[in-house]
C-alpha atoms as a PDB file:
ATOM      1  CA  MET A   1     -49.938  39.871  52.385  1.00  0.00           C
ATOM      2  CA  ILE A   2     -48.637  43.382  52.864  1.00  0.00           C
ATOM      3  CA  SER A   3     -44.898  44.104  52.776  1.00  0.00           C
ATOM      4  CA  LEU A   4     -43.341  47.095  54.500  1.00  0.00           C
ATOM      5  CA  ILE A   5     -39.739  48.277  54.630  1.00  0.00           C
ATOM      6  CA  LYS A   6     -37.641  50.653  56.741  1.00  0.00           C
ATOM      7  CA  LEU A   7     -33.928  50.917  55.960  1.00  0.00           C
ATOM      8  CA  ASN A   8     -32.876  47.261  55.629  1.00  0.00           C
ATOM      9  CA  VAL A   9     -35.707  45.772  57.728  1.00  0.00           C
ATOM     10  CA  MET A  10     -38.689  44.194  55.975  1.00  0.00           C
ATOM     11  CA  LYS A  11     -41.975  43.231  57.635  1.00  0.00           C
ATOM     12  CA  VAL A  12     -44.735  41.144  56.064  1.00  0.00           C
ATOM     13  CA  VAL A  13     -48.165  41.390  57.701  1.00  0.00           C
ATOM     14  CA  ASP A  14     -51.556  39.904  56.951  1.00  0.00           C
ATOM     15  CA  SER A  15     -53.907  42.765  57.852  1.00  0.00           C
ATOM     16  CA  GLU A  16     -54.449  46.470  57.255  1.00  0.00           C
ATOM     17  CA  GLU A  17     -54.444  47.087  61.021  1.00  0.00           C
ATOM     18  CA  LYS A  18     -50.966  45.599  61.437  1.00  0.00           C
ATOM     19  CA  ALA A  19     -49.744  47.487  58.373  1.00  0.00           C
ATOM     20  CA  ALA A  20     -51.076  50.744  59.823  1.00  0.00           C
ATOM     21  CA  PHE A  21     -49.237  50.030  63.088  1.00  0.00           C
ATOM     22  CA  TRP A  22     -45.885  49.545  61.318  1.00  0.00           C
ATOM     23  CA  GLU A  23     -46.517  52.558  59.069  1.00  0.00           C
ATOM     24  CA  SER A  24     -46.913  54.639  62.238  1.00  0.00           C
ATOM     25  CA  LYS A  25     -43.437  53.405  63.252  1.00  0.00           C
ATOM     26  CA  GLY A  26     -41.913  54.738  60.006  1.00  0.00           C
ATOM     27  CA  PHE A  27     -42.215  51.718  57.696  1.00  0.00           C
ATOM     28  CA  GLU A  28     -43.352  52.239  54.096  1.00  0.00           C
ATOM     29  CA  ARG A  29     -45.395  49.873  51.956  1.00  0.00           C
ATOM     30  CA  VAL A  30     -43.647  47.991  49.190  1.00  0.00           C
ATOM     31  CA  GLU A  31     -45.559  47.409  45.966  1.00  0.00           C
ATOM     32  CA  GLU A  32     -45.190  43.750  45.122  1.00  0.00           C
ATOM     33  CA  GLU A  33     -45.000  42.694  41.500  1.00  0.00           C
ATOM     34  CA  PRO A  34     -45.505  39.007  40.799  1.00  0.00           C
ATOM     35  CA  ALA A  35     -42.418  37.308  39.403  1.00  0.00           C
ATOM     36  CA  GLU A  36     -42.620  36.326  35.749  1.00  0.00           C
ATOM     37  CA  LYS A  37     -42.885  32.548  35.552  1.00  0.00           C
ATOM     38  CA  SER A  38     -41.647  30.218  32.863  1.00  0.00           C
ATOM     39  CA  LYS A  39     -43.412  27.072  31.663  1.00  0.00           C
ATOM     40  CA  THR A  40     -41.740  25.073  34.451  1.00  0.00           C
ATOM     41  CA  GLY A  41     -43.357  27.307  37.065  1.00  0.00           C
ATOM     42  CA  LYS A  42     -40.068  28.715  38.305  1.00  0.00           C
ATOM     43  CA  ALA A  43     -39.376  32.435  38.316  1.00  0.00           C
ATOM     44  CA  LYS A  44     -37.011  33.587  35.595  1.00  0.00           C
ATOM     45  CA  ALA A  45     -33.679  35.079  36.607  1.00  0.00           C
ATOM     46  CA  GLU A  46     -32.985  38.638  35.498  1.00  0.00           C
ATOM     47  CA  GLY A  47     -31.327  38.537  32.100  1.00  0.00           C
ATOM     48  CA  GLY A  48     -31.872  34.782  31.904  1.00  0.00           C
ATOM     49  CA  GLU A  49     -33.472  32.844  29.127  1.00  0.00           C
END
């Protein structure tokens, strides 16, 4: 999936063609970093243990 953002609006698309369309409208791609997971499989909260 490709995430794009413009001001406070976020779009998530499933193809390069759709991403290119939204980029032409002023949206910028967002680099997604996978959340760090604990042994329980849940993402850790920032500053959590």
